[in-house]
Amino acid sequence: MRTKLTCAVGFVLLVGLAALCASAQAQPADATNDKRAEEEVRRLNREEVEAFLHEDAKAMARLWSDDFVVTNPLNKFVNKQQVLGMVQSGVLAIAPYERRIEYLRVYGDTVIVAGSEDVTWGGRMPNVGKTEHLRFTGIWMRQQGRWQEVARHANIVPQP
């Protein structure tokens, strides 16, 4: 009888230990995946800024999902094709362009990025030559194995 009790207690302890080990391993793996996602989205944000500085519509098209939408600093709601058209036609140009990520949070296959930007408008923008401070929020999703921006909002911060 005592042997059966010892075996039962040992079995329960073994199962408990295995469950504890499994849960401990799951947390670092999630943290590692989140860290990788954060690093990748930060890198892609730098690429997006470079694409704007070089008016590289091809790079922008790669970074943005096909259903990408933007509420832009001129308070217009536009889609990927409209933004690419503005870049390709020379209407939208930005130089210099500085982006500061102040918040980045990973939610599985979605990443929220927020921060501020300083831009000087070029091209044929209504505010060409003017330097403005923006606040932005970008939403990135892992789609078909790669990160792409799916939505963005940017607004001009009024000067006091």
N, C-alpha and C. Protein backbone atom coordinates (compact mmCIF):
# COMPACT_ATOMS: atom_id res chain seq x y z
N MET A 1 0.81 -1.19 0.00
CA MET A 1 0.00 0.00 0.00
C MET A 1 0.86 1.25 0.00
N ARG A 2 1.90 1.21 0.81
CA ARG A 2 2.77 2.36 0.91
C ARG A 2 3.50 2.62 -0.42
N THR A 3 3.87 1.58 -1.16
CA THR A 3 4.54 1.71 -2.44
C THR A 3 3.63 2.37 -3.46
N LYS A 4 2.35 1.98 -3.44
CA LYS A 4 1.40 2.59 -4.37
C LYS A 4 1.24 4.08 -4.07
N LEU A 5 1.18 4.44 -2.79
CA LEU A 5 1.05 5.84 -2.41
C LEU A 5 2.29 6.63 -2.82
N THR A 6 3.46 6.06 -2.60
CA THR A 6 4.70 6.71 -3.00
C THR A 6 4.76 6.90 -4.51
N CYS A 7 4.34 5.89 -5.25
CA CYS A 7 4.31 5.99 -6.72
C CYS A 7 3.33 7.06 -7.17
N ALA A 8 2.16 7.12 -6.53
CA ALA A 8 1.14 8.11 -6.90
C ALA A 8 1.65 9.52 -6.64
N VAL A 9 2.24 9.73 -5.47
CA VAL A 9 2.78 11.05 -5.13
C VAL A 9 3.91 11.41 -6.10
N GLY A 10 4.76 10.49 -6.40
CA GLY A 10 5.85 10.71 -7.35
C GLY A 10 5.33 11.07 -8.73
N PHE A 11 4.29 10.38 -9.16
CA PHE A 11 3.69 10.63 -10.46
C PHE A 11 3.09 12.05 -10.52
N VAL A 12 2.37 12.42 -9.48
CA VAL A 12 1.77 13.76 -9.41
C VAL A 12 2.86 14.83 -9.43
N LEU A 13 3.91 14.63 -8.67
CA LEU A 13 5.03 15.59 -8.66
C LEU A 13 5.70 15.68 -10.03
N LEU A 14 5.87 14.54 -10.69
CA LEU A 14 6.48 14.52 -12.01
C LEU A 14 5.63 15.27 -13.03
N VAL A 15 4.32 15.03 -13.02
CA VAL A 15 3.41 15.73 -13.93
C VAL A 15 3.42 17.23 -13.65
N GLY A 16 3.40 17.60 -12.38
CA GLY A 16 3.44 19.01 -12.00
C GLY A 16 4.72 19.68 -12.45
N LEU A 17 5.84 18.99 -12.26
CA LEU A 17 7.13 19.52 -12.69
C LEU A 17 7.18 19.68 -14.20
N ALA A 18 6.65 18.70 -14.93
CA ALA A 18 6.62 18.79 -16.40
C ALA A 18 5.77 19.97 -16.85
N ALA A 19 4.63 20.19 -16.22
CA ALA A 19 3.76 21.32 -16.57
C ALA A 19 4.45 22.64 -16.28
N LEU A 20 5.13 22.71 -15.15
CA LEU A 20 5.85 23.93 -14.78
C LEU A 20 6.95 24.24 -15.79
N CYS A 21 7.70 23.23 -16.18
CA CYS A 21 8.77 23.40 -17.18
C CYS A 21 8.20 23.84 -18.52
N ALA A 22 7.10 23.25 -18.91
CA ALA A 22 6.49 23.60 -20.19
C ALA A 22 6.03 25.05 -20.19
N SER A 23 5.42 25.51 -19.11
CA SER A 23 4.95 26.89 -19.07
C SER A 23 6.12 27.86 -18.99
N ALA A 24 7.19 27.50 -18.31
CA ALA A 24 8.36 28.37 -18.23
C ALA A 24 9.02 28.51 -19.59
N GLN A 25 9.03 27.44 -20.38
CA GLN A 25 9.63 27.51 -21.71
C GLN A 25 8.77 28.31 -22.66
N ALA A 26 7.46 28.30 -22.50
CA ALA A 26 6.56 29.02 -23.41
C ALA A 26 6.75 30.53 -23.27
N GLN A 27 6.96 31.02 -22.07
CA GLN A 27 7.09 32.45 -21.87
C GLN A 27 8.33 33.02 -22.54
N PRO A 28 9.53 32.45 -22.37
CA PRO A 28 10.69 33.00 -23.07
C PRO A 28 10.55 32.91 -24.59
N ALA A 29 9.92 31.87 -25.09
CA ALA A 29 9.73 31.76 -26.54
C ALA A 29 8.86 32.90 -27.04
N ASP A 30 7.76 33.22 -26.31
CA ASP A 30 6.91 34.34 -26.69
C ASP A 30 7.68 35.65 -26.62
N ALA A 31 8.46 35.82 -25.56
CA ALA A 31 9.26 37.03 -25.40
C ALA A 31 10.29 37.14 -26.52
N THR A 32 10.90 36.03 -26.89
CA THR A 32 11.87 36.03 -27.99
C THR A 32 11.19 36.40 -29.30
N ASN A 33 10.01 35.82 -29.55
CA ASN A 33 9.27 36.16 -30.78
C ASN A 33 8.88 37.62 -30.80
N ASP A 34 8.43 38.15 -29.65
CA ASP A 34 8.07 39.56 -29.57
C ASP A 34 9.28 40.45 -29.83
N LYS A 35 10.42 40.08 -29.28
CA LYS A 35 11.65 40.88 -29.48
C LYS A 35 12.05 40.87 -30.95
N ARG A 36 11.96 39.70 -31.60
CA ARG A 36 12.27 39.61 -33.03
C ARG A 36 11.31 40.46 -33.85
N ALA A 37 10.03 40.39 -33.51
CA ALA A 37 9.02 41.19 -34.22
C ALA A 37 9.31 42.68 -34.03
N GLU A 38 9.64 43.08 -32.81
CA GLU A 38 9.94 44.49 -32.55
C GLU A 38 11.14 44.96 -33.37
N GLU A 39 12.21 44.17 -33.36
CA GLU A 39 13.41 44.55 -34.13
C GLU A 39 13.10 44.66 -35.62
N GLU A 40 12.32 43.71 -36.14
CA GLU A 40 11.99 43.71 -37.56
C GLU A 40 11.13 44.92 -37.93
N VAL A 41 10.14 45.24 -37.13
CA VAL A 41 9.27 46.38 -37.43
C VAL A 41 10.04 47.70 -37.27
N ARG A 42 10.94 47.78 -36.32
CA ARG A 42 11.79 48.98 -36.21
C ARG A 42 12.64 49.13 -37.48
N ARG A 43 13.21 48.04 -37.96
CA ARG A 43 14.02 48.08 -39.19
C ARG A 43 13.15 48.52 -40.37
N LEU A 44 11.96 47.98 -40.47
CA LEU A 44 11.06 48.34 -41.58
C LEU A 44 10.63 49.80 -41.50
N ASN A 45 10.49 50.34 -40.31
CA ASN A 45 10.20 51.76 -40.17
C ASN A 45 11.34 52.62 -40.70
N ARG A 46 12.58 52.20 -40.44
CA ARG A 46 13.73 52.93 -40.99
C ARG A 46 13.73 52.85 -42.51
N GLU A 47 13.40 51.66 -43.04
CA GLU A 47 13.31 51.51 -44.50
C GLU A 47 12.23 52.40 -45.10
N GLU A 48 11.11 52.54 -44.40
CA GLU A 48 10.02 53.38 -44.89
C GLU A 48 10.47 54.84 -44.98
N VAL A 49 11.16 55.32 -43.97
CA VAL A 49 11.67 56.70 -43.99
C VAL A 49 12.64 56.86 -45.16
N GLU A 50 13.56 55.91 -45.33
CA GLU A 50 14.51 55.97 -46.45
C GLU A 50 13.79 55.96 -47.80
N ALA A 51 12.72 55.17 -47.91
CA ALA A 51 11.96 55.12 -49.15
C ALA A 51 11.35 56.49 -49.45
N PHE A 52 10.84 57.17 -48.44
CA PHE A 52 10.30 58.52 -48.66
C PHE A 52 11.41 59.49 -49.04
N LEU A 53 12.54 59.42 -48.35
CA LEU A 53 13.65 60.35 -48.65
C LEU A 53 14.16 60.18 -50.08
N HIS A 54 14.09 58.94 -50.61
CA HIS A 54 14.58 58.67 -51.97
C HIS A 54 13.45 58.55 -52.99
N GLU A 55 12.22 58.89 -52.54
CA GLU A 55 11.05 58.82 -53.43
C GLU A 55 10.98 57.46 -54.12
N ASP A 56 11.21 56.40 -53.34
CA ASP A 56 11.28 55.03 -53.85
C ASP A 56 9.93 54.33 -53.70
N ALA A 57 9.06 54.53 -54.68
CA ALA A 57 7.71 53.95 -54.64
C ALA A 57 7.75 52.42 -54.62
N LYS A 58 8.74 51.85 -55.25
CA LYS A 58 8.85 50.38 -55.28
C LYS A 58 9.09 49.83 -53.87
N ALA A 59 9.95 50.48 -53.11
CA ALA A 59 10.20 50.06 -51.72
C ALA A 59 8.96 50.25 -50.88
N MET A 60 8.26 51.38 -51.08
CA MET A 60 7.03 51.63 -50.33
C MET A 60 6.00 50.54 -50.62
N ALA A 61 5.85 50.19 -51.89
CA ALA A 61 4.88 49.17 -52.29
C ALA A 61 5.18 47.84 -51.60
N ARG A 62 6.45 47.53 -51.42
CA ARG A 62 6.86 46.29 -50.75
C ARG A 62 6.55 46.34 -49.25
N LEU A 63 6.71 47.51 -48.64
CA LEU A 63 6.51 47.66 -47.20
C LEU A 63 5.03 47.68 -46.80
N TRP A 64 4.17 48.10 -47.72
CA TRP A 64 2.76 48.28 -47.41
C TRP A 64 1.93 47.13 -47.95
N SER A 65 0.93 46.71 -47.19
CA SER A 65 0.00 45.68 -47.67
C SER A 65 -0.83 46.26 -48.81
N ASP A 66 -1.42 45.39 -49.60
CA ASP A 66 -2.23 45.86 -50.72
C ASP A 66 -3.44 46.66 -50.26
N ASP A 67 -3.91 46.40 -49.04
CA ASP A 67 -5.06 47.15 -48.53
C ASP A 67 -4.67 48.26 -47.56
N PHE A 68 -3.42 48.72 -47.64
CA PHE A 68 -2.88 49.80 -46.81
C PHE A 68 -3.73 51.07 -46.98
N VAL A 69 -4.04 51.72 -45.85
CA VAL A 69 -4.78 52.98 -45.86
C VAL A 69 -4.10 53.97 -44.92
N VAL A 70 -4.29 55.26 -45.22
CA VAL A 70 -3.67 56.32 -44.44
C VAL A 70 -4.66 57.46 -44.25
N THR A 71 -4.73 57.97 -43.03
CA THR A 71 -5.29 59.30 -42.83
C THR A 71 -4.07 60.19 -42.76
N ASN A 72 -3.87 60.99 -43.81
CA ASN A 72 -2.60 61.71 -43.95
C ASN A 72 -2.64 63.06 -43.23
N PRO A 73 -1.49 63.74 -43.14
CA PRO A 73 -1.42 65.01 -42.42
C PRO A 73 -2.29 66.11 -43.03
N LEU A 74 -2.75 65.93 -44.27
CA LEU A 74 -3.67 66.91 -44.87
C LEU A 74 -5.12 66.54 -44.60
N ASN A 75 -5.32 65.58 -43.68
CA ASN A 75 -6.63 65.10 -43.26
C ASN A 75 -7.41 64.44 -44.40
N LYS A 76 -6.69 63.77 -45.29
CA LYS A 76 -7.31 63.01 -46.37
C LYS A 76 -7.13 61.52 -46.08
N PHE A 77 -8.17 60.75 -46.37
CA PHE A 77 -8.10 59.30 -46.22
C PHE A 77 -7.76 58.73 -47.59
N VAL A 78 -6.57 58.09 -47.70
CA VAL A 78 -6.09 57.59 -48.99
C VAL A 78 -5.62 56.15 -48.87
N ASN A 79 -5.54 55.47 -50.01
CA ASN A 79 -5.10 54.07 -50.02
C ASN A 79 -3.69 53.98 -50.61
N LYS A 80 -3.18 52.77 -50.64
CA LYS A 80 -1.82 52.52 -51.11
C LYS A 80 -1.60 53.07 -52.51
N GLN A 81 -2.48 52.78 -53.43
CA GLN A 81 -2.29 53.21 -54.82
C GLN A 81 -2.30 54.74 -54.94
N GLN A 82 -3.11 55.40 -54.15
CA GLN A 82 -3.15 56.87 -54.19
C GLN A 82 -1.84 57.47 -53.68
N VAL A 83 -1.31 56.92 -52.59
CA VAL A 83 -0.04 57.44 -52.05
C VAL A 83 1.10 57.17 -53.04
N LEU A 84 1.15 55.95 -53.58
CA LEU A 84 2.20 55.63 -54.56
C LEU A 84 2.08 56.56 -55.77
N GLY A 85 0.88 56.84 -56.22
CA GLY A 85 0.68 57.75 -57.35
C GLY A 85 1.19 59.15 -57.05
N MET A 86 0.97 59.62 -55.81
CA MET A 86 1.46 60.95 -55.43
C MET A 86 2.98 60.99 -55.42
N VAL A 87 3.60 59.90 -54.98
CA VAL A 87 5.07 59.84 -54.97
C VAL A 87 5.60 59.78 -56.40
N GLN A 88 5.03 58.90 -57.21
CA GLN A 88 5.50 58.72 -58.59
C GLN A 88 5.30 59.97 -59.44
N SER A 89 4.26 60.74 -59.17
CA SER A 89 3.99 61.96 -59.96
C SER A 89 4.76 63.17 -59.46
N GLY A 90 5.46 63.01 -58.32
CA GLY A 90 6.23 64.13 -57.78
C GLY A 90 5.45 65.06 -56.88
N VAL A 91 4.19 64.74 -56.62
CA VAL A 91 3.40 65.57 -55.72
C VAL A 91 3.91 65.44 -54.29
N LEU A 92 4.14 64.21 -53.84
CA LEU A 92 4.56 63.95 -52.47
C LEU A 92 6.05 63.70 -52.41
N ALA A 93 6.75 64.60 -51.75
CA ALA A 93 8.18 64.44 -51.51
C ALA A 93 8.46 65.00 -50.11
N ILE A 94 9.36 64.35 -49.41
CA ILE A 94 9.70 64.76 -48.05
C ILE A 94 11.21 64.70 -47.88
N ALA A 95 11.81 65.81 -47.51
CA ALA A 95 13.24 65.82 -47.19
C ALA A 95 13.53 67.12 -46.45
N PRO A 96 14.10 67.07 -45.31
CA PRO A 96 14.45 65.88 -44.54
C PRO A 96 13.24 65.27 -43.84
N TYR A 97 13.47 64.08 -43.26
CA TYR A 97 12.40 63.33 -42.60
C TYR A 97 13.02 62.60 -41.43
N GLU A 98 12.57 62.93 -40.22
CA GLU A 98 13.08 62.26 -39.02
C GLU A 98 11.91 61.65 -38.26
N ARG A 99 12.00 60.36 -37.98
CA ARG A 99 10.94 59.64 -37.24
C ARG A 99 11.51 59.17 -35.91
N ARG A 100 10.73 59.39 -34.86
CA ARG A 100 11.10 58.92 -33.52
C ARG A 100 9.99 58.00 -33.02
N ILE A 101 10.33 56.75 -32.84
CA ILE A 101 9.37 55.79 -32.30
C ILE A 101 9.37 55.93 -30.78
N GLU A 102 8.21 56.27 -30.24
CA GLU A 102 8.08 56.48 -28.80
C GLU A 102 7.33 55.33 -28.13
N TYR A 103 6.65 54.53 -28.94
CA TYR A 103 5.87 53.42 -28.41
C TYR A 103 5.83 52.34 -29.47
N LEU A 104 6.09 51.11 -29.06
CA LEU A 104 5.97 49.96 -29.96
C LEU A 104 5.50 48.79 -29.11
N ARG A 105 4.41 48.17 -29.53
CA ARG A 105 3.86 47.05 -28.77
C ARG A 105 3.49 45.92 -29.72
N VAL A 106 3.93 44.72 -29.38
CA VAL A 106 3.66 43.53 -30.19
C VAL A 106 2.45 42.81 -29.60
N TYR A 107 1.48 42.51 -30.47
CA TYR A 107 0.30 41.73 -30.11
C TYR A 107 0.23 40.55 -31.07
N GLY A 108 1.09 39.57 -30.89
CA GLY A 108 1.11 38.41 -31.77
C GLY A 108 1.56 38.80 -33.18
N ASP A 109 0.64 38.72 -34.14
CA ASP A 109 0.96 39.06 -35.53
C ASP A 109 0.61 40.50 -35.88
N THR A 110 0.43 41.35 -34.87
CA THR A 110 0.13 42.76 -35.07
C THR A 110 1.07 43.58 -34.19
N VAL A 111 1.57 44.68 -34.75
CA VAL A 111 2.43 45.59 -34.00
C VAL A 111 1.89 47.01 -34.15
N ILE A 112 1.77 47.71 -33.04
CA ILE A 112 1.35 49.10 -33.02
C ILE A 112 2.59 49.95 -32.77
N VAL A 113 2.79 50.95 -33.62
CA VAL A 113 3.94 51.86 -33.51
C VAL A 113 3.39 53.28 -33.42
N ALA A 114 3.91 54.07 -32.51
CA ALA A 114 3.48 55.47 -32.40
C ALA A 114 4.68 56.32 -32.06
N GLY A 115 4.60 57.58 -32.46
CA GLY A 115 5.69 58.49 -32.16
C GLY A 115 5.50 59.84 -32.82
N SER A 116 6.63 60.47 -33.10
CA SER A 116 6.60 61.80 -33.70
C SER A 116 7.55 61.85 -34.88
N GLU A 117 7.30 62.81 -35.76
CA GLU A 117 8.11 62.98 -36.96
C GLU A 117 8.31 64.47 -37.21
N ASP A 118 9.46 64.81 -37.76
CA ASP A 118 9.71 66.14 -38.28
C ASP A 118 9.94 65.98 -39.76
N VAL A 119 9.17 66.70 -40.55
CA VAL A 119 9.26 66.59 -42.01
C VAL A 119 9.33 67.98 -42.63
N THR A 120 10.02 68.05 -43.75
CA THR A 120 9.98 69.25 -44.58
C THR A 120 9.37 68.81 -45.90
N TRP A 121 8.24 69.43 -46.23
CA TRP A 121 7.49 69.03 -47.43
C TRP A 121 8.19 69.52 -48.69
N GLY A 122 8.17 68.66 -49.70
CA GLY A 122 8.73 69.00 -51.00
C GLY A 122 7.70 68.71 -52.08
N GLY A 123 8.17 68.46 -53.28
CA GLY A 123 7.27 68.13 -54.38
C GLY A 123 6.32 69.26 -54.67
N ARG A 124 5.06 68.90 -54.85
CA ARG A 124 4.03 69.90 -55.13
C ARG A 124 2.96 69.89 -54.03
N MET A 125 3.42 69.63 -52.81
CA MET A 125 2.51 69.63 -51.67
C MET A 125 2.04 71.07 -51.40
N PRO A 126 0.84 71.24 -50.85
CA PRO A 126 0.35 72.59 -50.56
C PRO A 126 1.25 73.35 -49.58
N ASN A 127 1.94 72.64 -48.71
CA ASN A 127 2.80 73.27 -47.72
C ASN A 127 4.29 73.09 -48.05
N VAL A 128 4.62 73.06 -49.34
CA VAL A 128 6.00 72.84 -49.80
C VAL A 128 6.95 73.83 -49.12
N GLY A 129 8.11 73.32 -48.70
CA GLY A 129 9.12 74.14 -48.05
C GLY A 129 8.91 74.33 -46.57
N LYS A 130 7.77 73.94 -46.07
CA LYS A 130 7.46 74.13 -44.66
C LYS A 130 7.89 72.90 -43.86
N THR A 131 8.52 73.13 -42.71
CA THR A 131 8.89 72.04 -41.79
C THR A 131 7.80 71.95 -40.75
N GLU A 132 7.31 70.72 -40.54
CA GLU A 132 6.23 70.53 -39.57
C GLU A 132 6.52 69.33 -38.68
N HIS A 133 5.94 69.40 -37.49
CA HIS A 133 6.05 68.33 -36.50
C HIS A 133 4.76 67.52 -36.58
N LEU A 134 4.90 66.19 -36.70
CA LEU A 134 3.74 65.30 -36.81
C LEU A 134 3.70 64.33 -35.64
N ARG A 135 2.51 63.84 -35.33
CA ARG A 135 2.30 62.68 -34.47
C ARG A 135 1.79 61.59 -35.40
N PHE A 136 2.21 60.34 -35.17
CA PHE A 136 1.78 59.26 -36.05
C PHE A 136 1.49 57.99 -35.27
N THR A 137 0.66 57.16 -35.86
CA THR A 137 0.42 55.79 -35.40
C THR A 137 0.43 54.90 -36.63
N GLY A 138 1.18 53.82 -36.57
CA GLY A 138 1.23 52.84 -37.66
C GLY A 138 0.86 51.47 -37.15
N ILE A 139 0.16 50.72 -37.97
CA ILE A 139 -0.22 49.35 -37.62
C ILE A 139 0.41 48.41 -38.63
N TRP A 140 1.20 47.48 -38.13
CA TRP A 140 1.90 46.49 -38.95
C TRP A 140 1.34 45.12 -38.63
N MET A 141 1.22 44.29 -39.65
CA MET A 141 0.75 42.91 -39.44
C MET A 141 1.66 41.95 -40.19
N ARG A 142 1.83 40.78 -39.59
CA ARG A 142 2.55 39.72 -40.29
C ARG A 142 1.54 39.04 -41.21
N GLN A 143 1.78 39.17 -42.51
CA GLN A 143 0.88 38.60 -43.51
C GLN A 143 1.71 37.74 -44.44
N GLN A 144 1.30 36.50 -44.61
CA GLN A 144 2.00 35.55 -45.47
C GLN A 144 3.48 35.49 -45.14
N GLY A 145 3.77 35.49 -43.83
CA GLY A 145 5.14 35.31 -43.36
C GLY A 145 6.00 36.55 -43.31
N ARG A 146 5.46 37.72 -43.67
CA ARG A 146 6.29 38.93 -43.59
C ARG A 146 5.49 40.10 -43.04
N TRP A 147 6.21 41.04 -42.44
CA TRP A 147 5.58 42.20 -41.83
C TRP A 147 5.30 43.25 -42.90
N GLN A 148 4.08 43.80 -42.86
CA GLN A 148 3.71 44.90 -43.75
C GLN A 148 2.85 45.89 -42.96
N GLU A 149 2.97 47.15 -43.32
CA GLU A 149 2.13 48.16 -42.69
C GLU A 149 0.75 48.10 -43.34
N VAL A 150 -0.30 48.08 -42.51
CA VAL A 150 -1.66 47.97 -43.03
C VAL A 150 -2.45 49.27 -42.86
N ALA A 151 -2.05 50.11 -41.90
CA ALA A 151 -2.75 51.37 -41.68
C ALA A 151 -1.82 52.36 -40.99
N ARG A 152 -2.11 53.64 -41.25
CA ARG A 152 -1.30 54.70 -40.66
C ARG A 152 -2.17 55.94 -40.49
N HIS A 153 -1.90 56.65 -39.44
CA HIS A 153 -2.53 57.96 -39.23
C HIS A 153 -1.42 58.92 -38.86
N ALA A 154 -1.43 60.10 -39.47
CA ALA A 154 -0.46 61.14 -39.12
C ALA A 154 -1.17 62.48 -39.12
N ASN A 155 -0.87 63.27 -38.12
CA ASN A 155 -1.45 64.62 -38.10
C ASN A 155 -0.38 65.65 -37.78
N ILE A 156 -0.61 66.83 -38.27
CA ILE A 156 0.29 67.95 -38.00
C ILE A 156 -0.02 68.49 -36.62
N VAL A 157 1.03 68.67 -35.82
CA VAL A 157 0.86 69.23 -34.48
C VAL A 157 0.83 70.75 -34.64
N PRO A 158 -0.27 71.38 -34.23
CA PRO A 158 -0.37 72.84 -34.38
C PRO A 158 0.72 73.55 -33.58
N GLN A 159 1.26 74.60 -34.15
CA GLN A 159 2.27 75.41 -33.45
C GLN A 159 1.57 76.35 -32.48
N PRO A 160 2.15 76.54 -31.32
CA PRO A 160 1.50 77.43 -30.32
C PRO A 160 1.46 78.88 -30.77
